Protein backbone atom coordinates (compact mmCIF):
# COMPACT_ATOMS: atom_id res chain seq x y z
CA MET A 1 0.00 0.00 0.00
CA LYS A 2 1.23 3.46 -0.83
CA PHE A 3 0.82 5.71 2.21
CA GLN A 4 -1.11 8.96 1.74
CA THR A 5 -2.26 11.69 4.09
CA ASN A 6 -5.50 10.82 5.89
CA ASN A 7 -4.75 7.06 5.66
CA ARG A 8 -5.58 5.28 8.91
CA VAL A 9 -2.54 3.42 10.27
CA ARG A 10 -1.45 1.37 13.27
CA CYS A 11 1.99 1.35 14.85
CA PHE A 12 3.26 -2.22 15.03
CA GLN A 13 6.81 -1.57 16.25
CA SER A 14 8.62 1.12 18.18
CA LYS A 15 11.99 0.41 19.82
CA CYS A 16 12.08 3.52 21.99
CA ARG A 17 8.39 4.00 22.88
CA LYS A 18 6.75 0.61 23.33
CA SER A 19 3.56 2.32 24.55
CA LEU A 20 2.94 3.39 20.92
CA ILE A 21 2.63 -0.21 19.70
CA GLY A 22 -0.98 -0.89 18.71
CA GLN A 23 -2.01 2.76 18.70
CA GLU A 24 -3.89 4.05 15.67
CA GLY A 25 -4.27 7.39 13.97
CA LEU A 26 -4.33 9.33 10.71
CA ILE A 27 -1.32 10.35 8.65
CA THR A 28 -1.18 14.15 8.64
CA ASN A 29 2.14 14.70 6.83
CA ILE A 30 4.68 12.68 4.83
CA LYS A 31 8.33 13.75 4.52
CA PRO A 32 11.26 12.17 2.67
CA GLY A 33 13.26 9.84 4.91
CA TYR A 34 16.91 9.20 5.46
CA ARG A 35 17.19 6.91 2.40
CA PRO A 36 15.56 6.97 -1.03
CA GLY A 37 12.20 5.23 -0.90
CA LYS A 38 11.89 5.72 2.89
CA PHE A 39 9.56 8.21 4.51
CA ILE A 40 8.84 9.87 7.85
CA MET A 41 5.12 9.92 8.66
CA GLU A 42 3.54 12.42 10.99
CA VAL A 43 0.54 10.66 12.57
CA LYS A 44 -2.18 12.19 14.71
CA LEU A 45 -3.02 9.36 17.09
CA ASP A 46 -6.56 8.78 18.34
CA THR A 47 -5.32 10.16 21.69
CA GLY A 48 -4.68 13.52 19.98
CA GLU A 49 -0.89 13.22 20.23
CA ILE A 50 1.11 13.87 17.04
CA VAL A 51 4.02 11.44 16.61
CA LYS A 52 6.62 10.86 13.87
CA PHE A 53 7.20 7.30 12.61
CA HIS A 54 9.32 5.68 9.95
CA ASP A 55 7.11 4.11 7.29
CA SER A 56 8.48 0.69 8.32
CA GLN A 57 6.81 1.07 11.74
CA LEU A 58 3.27 1.46 10.37
CA VAL A 59 0.67 -0.75 8.77
CA PRO A 60 -2.62 0.32 7.23
CA VAL A 61 -5.59 -0.38 9.52
CA SER A 62 -7.91 -1.32 6.69
CA GLU A 63 -8.30 -0.39 3.09
CA PHE A 64 -12.00 -1.13 3.37
CA PRO A 65 -14.38 0.21 6.02
CA ASP A 66 -15.46 -2.24 8.72
CA VAL A 67 -19.21 -1.77 8.21
CA ARG A 68 -21.41 -4.00 10.34
CA ASN A 69 -25.08 -4.48 11.07
CA VAL A 70 -25.98 -3.11 14.52
CA LYS A 71 -29.14 -2.95 16.62
CA ILE A 72 -29.82 0.54 17.98
CA THR A 73 -32.28 1.64 20.66
CA LEU A 74 -33.03 5.35 20.27
CA GLU A 75 -34.62 7.57 22.94
CA TYR A 76 -36.09 10.92 21.87
CA SER A 77 -36.96 14.09 23.83
CA ASP A 78 -40.71 13.40 23.48
CA GLY A 79 -40.21 10.09 25.34
CA ALA A 80 -40.44 7.85 22.27
CA VAL A 81 -38.18 4.79 22.27
CA ILE A 82 -37.49 3.17 18.91
CA GLU A 83 -35.49 0.04 18.09
CA THR A 84 -33.96 -0.26 14.64
CA ASP A 85 -31.15 -1.89 12.68
CA ASP A 86 -28.56 -0.01 10.66
CA PHE A 87 -25.13 -0.49 9.11
CA LEU A 88 -22.36 1.51 10.81
CA ASP A 89 -18.60 1.78 10.25
CA ILE A 90 -17.19 0.31 13.45
CA ASP A 91 -13.82 2.08 12.98
CA LEU A 92 -15.48 5.51 13.01
CA ASN A 93 -17.19 7.36 15.85
CA ILE A 94 -20.47 5.50 16.50
CA GLU A 95 -22.07 8.43 18.32
CA GLU A 96 -21.49 10.79 15.37
CA GLN A 97 -22.94 8.26 12.92
CA VAL A 98 -26.06 7.65 15.04
CA PHE A 99 -26.75 11.35 15.62
CA GLU A 100 -26.15 12.09 11.93
CA ASN A 101 -28.67 9.43 10.87
CA PHE A 102 -31.31 9.63 13.63
CA ASP A 103 -31.11 13.06 15.34
CA GLN A 104 -34.52 14.36 14.20
CA ARG A 105 -37.86 12.54 14.41
CA ASP A 106 -41.13 14.43 13.99
CA GLY A 107 -39.63 17.56 15.59
CA SER A 108 -38.19 15.61 18.52
CA LYS A 109 -34.44 15.46 19.21
CA LEU A 110 -32.42 12.33 19.95
CA VAL A 111 -31.46 12.32 23.65
CA SER A 112 -29.65 8.99 24.04
CA PHE A 113 -29.07 5.66 22.37
CA LYS A 114 -27.65 2.18 22.97
CA TRP A 115 -26.20 -0.07 20.31
CA GLN A 116 -24.84 -3.57 19.93
CA LEU A 117 -23.59 -5.71 17.08
CA SER A 118 -26.37 -7.75 15.50
CA GLU A 119 -26.11 -11.50 15.87
CA VAL A 120 -26.02 -12.83 12.31
């Protein structure tokens, strides 16, 4: 895979900072490395920290979204409770996806929700 900015990556090795192993984030900048064909990646980790990695320390998280069927229980400001199924990208923020898809219902606002993976 050719790395590009905004690719989601995971650190799989770090000699000096073992706490970075397994952490994920988005590539924010790519700079030429110390040898031809090597690169230094600036990655904004999910924790908010920006860290520099050699390209050999990173692997792509997924080239395809991890979209799964989920059951969602929605509670609205008028007291209505609705259960539904939807397909959500598990690697992205679930709360943002739910509020984007279900925030409004007959003039009532979404107050809370619960979700779980559907048993298929």
